[in-house]
């Protein structure tokens, strides 16, 4: 069965509600249990989790213009083992190997730009491809944002699921 890995850092009620909606979307009834969804806090996810997954969903708050420290730790610990590409200067560079789908949600109180940019710059160096627009939520999380989170989760699960 195809596997979708959800890696998150959900320290606040707002980002937790958004994360819950994303995970609920991955388990939408329309998918009829066709995808094994593995949910891991960012500080617990491993390279083995990444290597056994067919797609990825990442979630983070925007902290001081960057992704959360927990999600950065995830990338730091899995990057090379999971096939991350480095350029001649040792920075993350575009990967040319396999392209597994991923999606991202980011919540910020005032802005999400830097957090989104930081995640995408690392993800593009992994053998992944962005399969859905980034869900960026600024401020309060209401029904429209929760619905968008559900849709993001369902979309990635459908893309990973069997043909």
C-alpha atoms as a PDB file:
ATOM      1  CA  UNK A   1       0.000   0.000   0.000  1.00  0.00           C
ATOM      2  CA  UNK A   2       1.392   3.458  -0.850  1.00  0.00           C
ATOM      3  CA  UNK A   3       2.595   5.461   2.144  1.00  0.00           C
ATOM      4  CA  UNK A   4       2.161   9.181   2.820  1.00  0.00           C
ATOM      5  CA  UNK A   5       4.394  10.662   5.518  1.00  0.00           C
ATOM      6  CA  UNK A   6       3.089  13.691   7.405  1.00  0.00           C
ATOM      7  CA  UNK A   7       5.840  15.553   9.289  1.00  0.00           C
ATOM      8  CA  UNK A   8       4.772  18.462  11.465  1.00  0.00           C
ATOM      9  CA  UNK A   9       5.492  20.829  14.304  1.00  0.00           C
ATOM     10  CA  UNK A  10       2.215  21.918  15.927  1.00  0.00           C
ATOM     11  CA  UNK A  11       3.021  24.017  19.001  1.00  0.00           C
ATOM     12  CA  UNK A  12      -0.059  26.280  18.991  1.00  0.00           C
ATOM     13  CA  UNK A  13      -3.810  25.763  18.827  1.00  0.00           C
ATOM     14  CA  UNK A  14      -4.014  27.431  15.417  1.00  0.00           C
ATOM     15  CA  UNK A  15      -1.328  25.385  13.698  1.00  0.00           C
ATOM     16  CA  UNK A  16      -2.583  22.230  15.476  1.00  0.00           C
ATOM     17  CA  UNK A  17      -6.120  22.782  14.139  1.00  0.00           C
ATOM     18  CA  UNK A  18      -4.715  23.266  10.646  1.00  0.00           C
ATOM     19  CA  UNK A  19      -2.568  20.140  10.995  1.00  0.00           C
ATOM     20  CA  UNK A  20      -5.545  18.113  12.212  1.00  0.00           C
ATOM     21  CA  UNK A  21      -7.543  19.219   9.154  1.00  0.00           C
ATOM     22  CA  UNK A  22      -4.689  18.190   6.842  1.00  0.00           C
ATOM     23  CA  UNK A  23      -4.434  14.754   8.455  1.00  0.00           C
ATOM     24  CA  UNK A  24      -8.222  14.306   8.311  1.00  0.00           C
ATOM     25  CA  UNK A  25      -8.016  15.096   4.602  1.00  0.00           C
ATOM     26  CA  UNK A  26      -5.443  12.329   4.081  1.00  0.00           C
ATOM     27  CA  UNK A  27      -7.994   9.924   5.545  1.00  0.00           C
ATOM     28  CA  UNK A  28     -10.990  11.224   3.605  1.00  0.00           C
ATOM     29  CA  UNK A  29     -13.706   8.596   3.035  1.00  0.00           C
ATOM     30  CA  UNK A  30     -13.405   9.060  -0.727  1.00  0.00           C
ATOM     31  CA  UNK A  31      -9.890   7.585  -0.551  1.00  0.00           C
ATOM     32  CA  UNK A  32     -11.326   4.377   0.920  1.00  0.00           C
ATOM     33  CA  UNK A  33      -8.216   3.467   2.918  1.00  0.00           C
ATOM     34  CA  UNK A  34      -5.996   3.199  -0.159  1.00  0.00           C
ATOM     35  CA  UNK A  35      -3.056   5.036   1.458  1.00  0.00           C
ATOM     36  CA  UNK A  36      -1.117   4.243   4.615  1.00  0.00           C
ATOM     37  CA  UNK A  37      -0.800   7.611   6.384  1.00  0.00           C
ATOM     38  CA  UNK A  38       2.095   7.877   8.838  1.00  0.00           C
ATOM     39  CA  UNK A  39       2.076  10.980  11.051  1.00  0.00           C
ATOM     40  CA  UNK A  40       5.280  12.006  12.820  1.00  0.00           C
ATOM     41  CA  UNK A  41       6.214  15.038  14.895  1.00  0.00           C
ATOM     42  CA  UNK A  42       9.217  16.686  13.238  1.00  0.00           C
ATOM     43  CA  UNK A  43      11.508  15.848  16.163  1.00  0.00           C
ATOM     44  CA  UNK A  44      10.664  12.142  15.841  1.00  0.00           C
ATOM     45  CA  UNK A  45      10.641  11.613  12.060  1.00  0.00           C
ATOM     46  CA  UNK A  46      13.602   9.697  10.678  1.00  0.00           C
ATOM     47  CA  UNK A  47      15.318   9.109   7.365  1.00  0.00           C
ATOM     48  CA  UNK A  48      13.824   5.603   7.402  1.00  0.00           C
ATOM     49  CA  UNK A  49      10.364   7.208   7.543  1.00  0.00           C
ATOM     50  CA  UNK A  50      11.257   9.339   4.529  1.00  0.00           C
ATOM     51  CA  UNK A  51      12.807   6.486   2.547  1.00  0.00           C
ATOM     52  CA  UNK A  52       9.762   4.235   2.999  1.00  0.00           C
ATOM     53  CA  UNK A  53       7.245   6.927   1.984  1.00  0.00           C
ATOM     54  CA  UNK A  54       5.829   7.587  -1.462  1.00  0.00           C
ATOM     55  CA  UNK A  55       4.890  11.203  -0.710  1.00  0.00           C
ATOM     56  CA  UNK A  56       5.152  13.837   1.991  1.00  0.00           C
ATOM     57  CA  UNK A  57       3.177  16.537   3.751  1.00  0.00           C
ATOM     58  CA  UNK A  58       5.056  19.052   5.871  1.00  0.00           C
ATOM     59  CA  UNK A  59       3.600  21.500   8.366  1.00  0.00           C
ATOM     60  CA  UNK A  60       5.223  24.294  10.334  1.00  0.00           C
ATOM     61  CA  UNK A  61       4.561  27.587  12.019  1.00  0.00           C
ATOM     62  CA  UNK A  62       6.456  30.599  10.731  1.00  0.00           C
ATOM     63  CA  UNK A  63       8.951  31.498  13.469  1.00  0.00           C
ATOM     64  CA  UNK A  64      10.883  34.750  13.109  1.00  0.00           C
ATOM     65  CA  UNK A  65      10.730  34.539   9.326  1.00  0.00           C
ATOM     66  CA  UNK A  66      11.791  30.893   9.139  1.00  0.00           C
ATOM     67  CA  UNK A  67      10.412  27.379   9.511  1.00  0.00           C
ATOM     68  CA  UNK A  68      10.217  26.015  13.048  1.00  0.00           C
ATOM     69  CA  UNK A  69      13.406  24.761  14.627  1.00  0.00           C
ATOM     70  CA  UNK A  70      11.784  21.326  14.875  1.00  0.00           C
ATOM     71  CA  UNK A  71      11.177  21.109  11.109  1.00  0.00           C
ATOM     72  CA  UNK A  72      14.712  22.393  10.453  1.00  0.00           C
ATOM     73  CA  UNK A  73      15.995  19.614  12.736  1.00  0.00           C
ATOM     74  CA  UNK A  74      14.023  17.118  10.629  1.00  0.00           C
ATOM     75  CA  UNK A  75      15.740  18.337   7.456  1.00  0.00           C
ATOM     76  CA  UNK A  76      19.143  18.398   9.184  1.00  0.00           C
ATOM     77  CA  UNK A  77      18.823  14.767  10.268  1.00  0.00           C
ATOM     78  CA  UNK A  78      17.376  13.225   7.088  1.00  0.00           C
ATOM     79  CA  UNK A  79      18.773  15.361   4.280  1.00  0.00           C
ATOM     80  CA  UNK A  80      21.789  13.409   3.020  1.00  0.00           C
ATOM     81  CA  UNK A  81      20.449   9.936   3.781  1.00  0.00           C
ATOM     82  CA  UNK A  82      17.189  10.794   2.000  1.00  0.00           C
ATOM     83  CA  UNK A  83      19.013  11.804  -1.180  1.00  0.00           C
ATOM     84  CA  UNK A  84      19.502  15.529  -0.659  1.00  0.00           C
ATOM     85  CA  UNK A  85      21.666  17.233  -3.272  1.00  0.00           C
ATOM     86  CA  UNK A  86      24.435  19.705  -2.451  1.00  0.00           C
ATOM     87  CA  UNK A  87      26.009  22.212  -4.808  1.00  0.00           C
ATOM     88  CA  UNK A  88      29.756  22.881  -5.132  1.00  0.00           C
ATOM     89  CA  UNK A  89      29.671  25.245  -2.139  1.00  0.00           C
ATOM     90  CA  UNK A  90      27.882  22.694   0.065  1.00  0.00           C
ATOM     91  CA  UNK A  91      24.482  24.403  -0.030  1.00  0.00           C
ATOM     92  CA  UNK A  92      21.229  22.664  -0.922  1.00  0.00           C
ATOM     93  CA  UNK A  93      21.067  22.367  -4.703  1.00  0.00           C
ATOM     94  CA  UNK A  94      18.377  21.128  -7.087  1.00  0.00           C
ATOM     95  CA  UNK A  95      17.930  17.362  -7.053  1.00  0.00           C
ATOM     96  CA  UNK A  96      17.788  15.511 -10.345  1.00  0.00           C
ATOM     97  CA  UNK A  97      16.761  12.124  -8.967  1.00  0.00           C
ATOM     98  CA  UNK A  98      13.241  10.665  -8.438  1.00  0.00           C
ATOM     99  CA  UNK A  99      10.410  13.079  -7.816  1.00  0.00           C
ATOM    100  CA  UNK A 100       8.036  12.021  -5.034  1.00  0.00           C
ATOM    101  CA  UNK A 101       5.144  14.447  -4.416  1.00  0.00           C
ATOM    102  CA  UNK A 102       5.061  16.742  -1.411  1.00  0.00           C
ATOM    103  CA  UNK A 103       2.825  19.420   0.003  1.00  0.00           C
ATOM    104  CA  UNK A 104       3.345  22.097   2.644  1.00  0.00           C
ATOM    105  CA  UNK A 105       1.245  24.097   5.059  1.00  0.00           C
ATOM    106  CA  UNK A 106       2.569  27.085   7.003  1.00  0.00           C
ATOM    107  CA  UNK A 107       0.827  29.163   9.652  1.00  0.00           C
ATOM    108  CA  UNK A 108       2.049  32.568  10.748  1.00  0.00           C
ATOM    109  CA  UNK A 109       0.669  35.254  12.957  1.00  0.00           C
ATOM    110  CA  UNK A 110       1.866  38.053  10.625  1.00  0.00           C
ATOM    111  CA  UNK A 111       3.750  36.525   7.688  1.00  0.00           C
ATOM    112  CA  UNK A 112       4.733  33.162   6.184  1.00  0.00           C
ATOM    113  CA  UNK A 113       7.079  34.227   3.381  1.00  0.00           C
ATOM    114  CA  UNK A 114      10.422  33.325   4.943  1.00  0.00           C
ATOM    115  CA  UNK A 115       9.177  30.054   6.413  1.00  0.00           C
ATOM    116  CA  UNK A 116       7.752  28.955   3.078  1.00  0.00           C
ATOM    117  CA  UNK A 117      10.910  29.946   1.206  1.00  0.00           C
ATOM    118  CA  UNK A 118      13.147  28.086   3.680  1.00  0.00           C
ATOM    119  CA  UNK A 119      11.187  24.821   3.409  1.00  0.00           C
ATOM    120  CA  UNK A 120      10.927  24.975  -0.374  1.00  0.00           C
ATOM    121  CA  UNK A 121      14.655  25.629  -0.765  1.00  0.00           C
ATOM    122  CA  UNK A 122      15.467  22.423   1.117  1.00  0.00           C
ATOM    123  CA  UNK A 123      12.668  20.357  -0.415  1.00  0.00           C
ATOM    124  CA  UNK A 124      13.817  21.194  -3.960  1.00  0.00           C
ATOM    125  CA  UNK A 125      17.173  19.626  -3.114  1.00  0.00           C
ATOM    126  CA  UNK A 126      15.510  16.327  -2.196  1.00  0.00           C
ATOM    127  CA  UNK A 127      14.126  13.865  -4.728  1.00  0.00           C
ATOM    128  CA  UNK A 128      10.686  15.438  -4.265  1.00  0.00           C
ATOM    129  CA  UNK A 129       8.383  17.589  -6.393  1.00  0.00           C
ATOM    130  CA  UNK A 130       5.918  20.154  -5.177  1.00  0.00           C
ATOM    131  CA  UNK A 131       2.531  18.630  -6.005  1.00  0.00           C
ATOM    132  CA  UNK A 132       0.165  21.297  -4.638  1.00  0.00           C
ATOM    133  CA  UNK A 133       0.294  25.013  -3.923  1.00  0.00           C
ATOM    134  CA  UNK A 134       1.603  25.857  -0.456  1.00  0.00           C
ATOM    135  CA  UNK A 135      -1.192  26.465   2.033  1.00  0.00           C
ATOM    136  CA  UNK A 136      -0.130  29.669   3.762  1.00  0.00           C
ATOM    137  CA  UNK A 137      -2.394  30.878   6.565  1.00  0.00           C
ATOM    138  CA  UNK A 138      -1.799  34.195   8.283  1.00  0.00           C
ATOM    139  CA  UNK A 139      -3.695  35.022  11.453  1.00  0.00           C
ATOM    140  CA  UNK A 140      -6.740  33.185  12.703  1.00  0.00           C
ATOM    141  CA  UNK A 141      -7.647  29.735  11.428  1.00  0.00           C
ATOM    142  CA  UNK A 142     -11.331  29.515  10.519  1.00  0.00           C
ATOM    143  CA  UNK A 143     -13.538  27.211   8.494  1.00  0.00           C
ATOM    144  CA  UNK A 144     -12.146  28.273   5.070  1.00  0.00           C
ATOM    145  CA  UNK A 145      -8.575  27.569   6.206  1.00  0.00           C
ATOM    146  CA  UNK A 146      -9.569  24.227   7.746  1.00  0.00           C
ATOM    147  CA  UNK A 147     -11.334  23.264   4.514  1.00  0.00           C
ATOM    148  CA  UNK A 148      -8.212  24.201   2.541  1.00  0.00           C
ATOM    149  CA  UNK A 149      -6.120  22.061   4.903  1.00  0.00           C
ATOM    150  CA  UNK A 150      -8.466  19.117   4.412  1.00  0.00           C
ATOM    151  CA  UNK A 151      -8.221  19.573   0.648  1.00  0.00           C
ATOM    152  CA  UNK A 152      -4.414  19.677   0.777  1.00  0.00           C
ATOM    153  CA  UNK A 153      -4.308  16.421   2.737  1.00  0.00           C
ATOM    154  CA  UNK A 154      -6.799  14.710   0.431  1.00  0.00           C
ATOM    155  CA  UNK A 155      -4.956  15.916  -2.667  1.00  0.00           C
ATOM    156  CA  UNK A 156      -1.606  14.523  -1.565  1.00  0.00           C
ATOM    157  CA  UNK A 157      -3.144  11.235  -0.435  1.00  0.00           C
ATOM    158  CA  UNK A 158      -4.894  10.888  -3.800  1.00  0.00           C
ATOM    159  CA  UNK A 159      -1.655  11.598  -5.664  1.00  0.00           C
ATOM    160  CA  UNK A 160       0.230   8.974  -3.642  1.00  0.00           C
ATOM    161  CA  UNK A 161      -2.575   6.423  -3.772  1.00  0.00           C
ATOM    162  CA  UNK A 162      -2.884   3.699  -6.368  1.00  0.00           C
ATOM    163  CA  UNK A 163      -3.541   4.910  -9.911  1.00  0.00           C
END
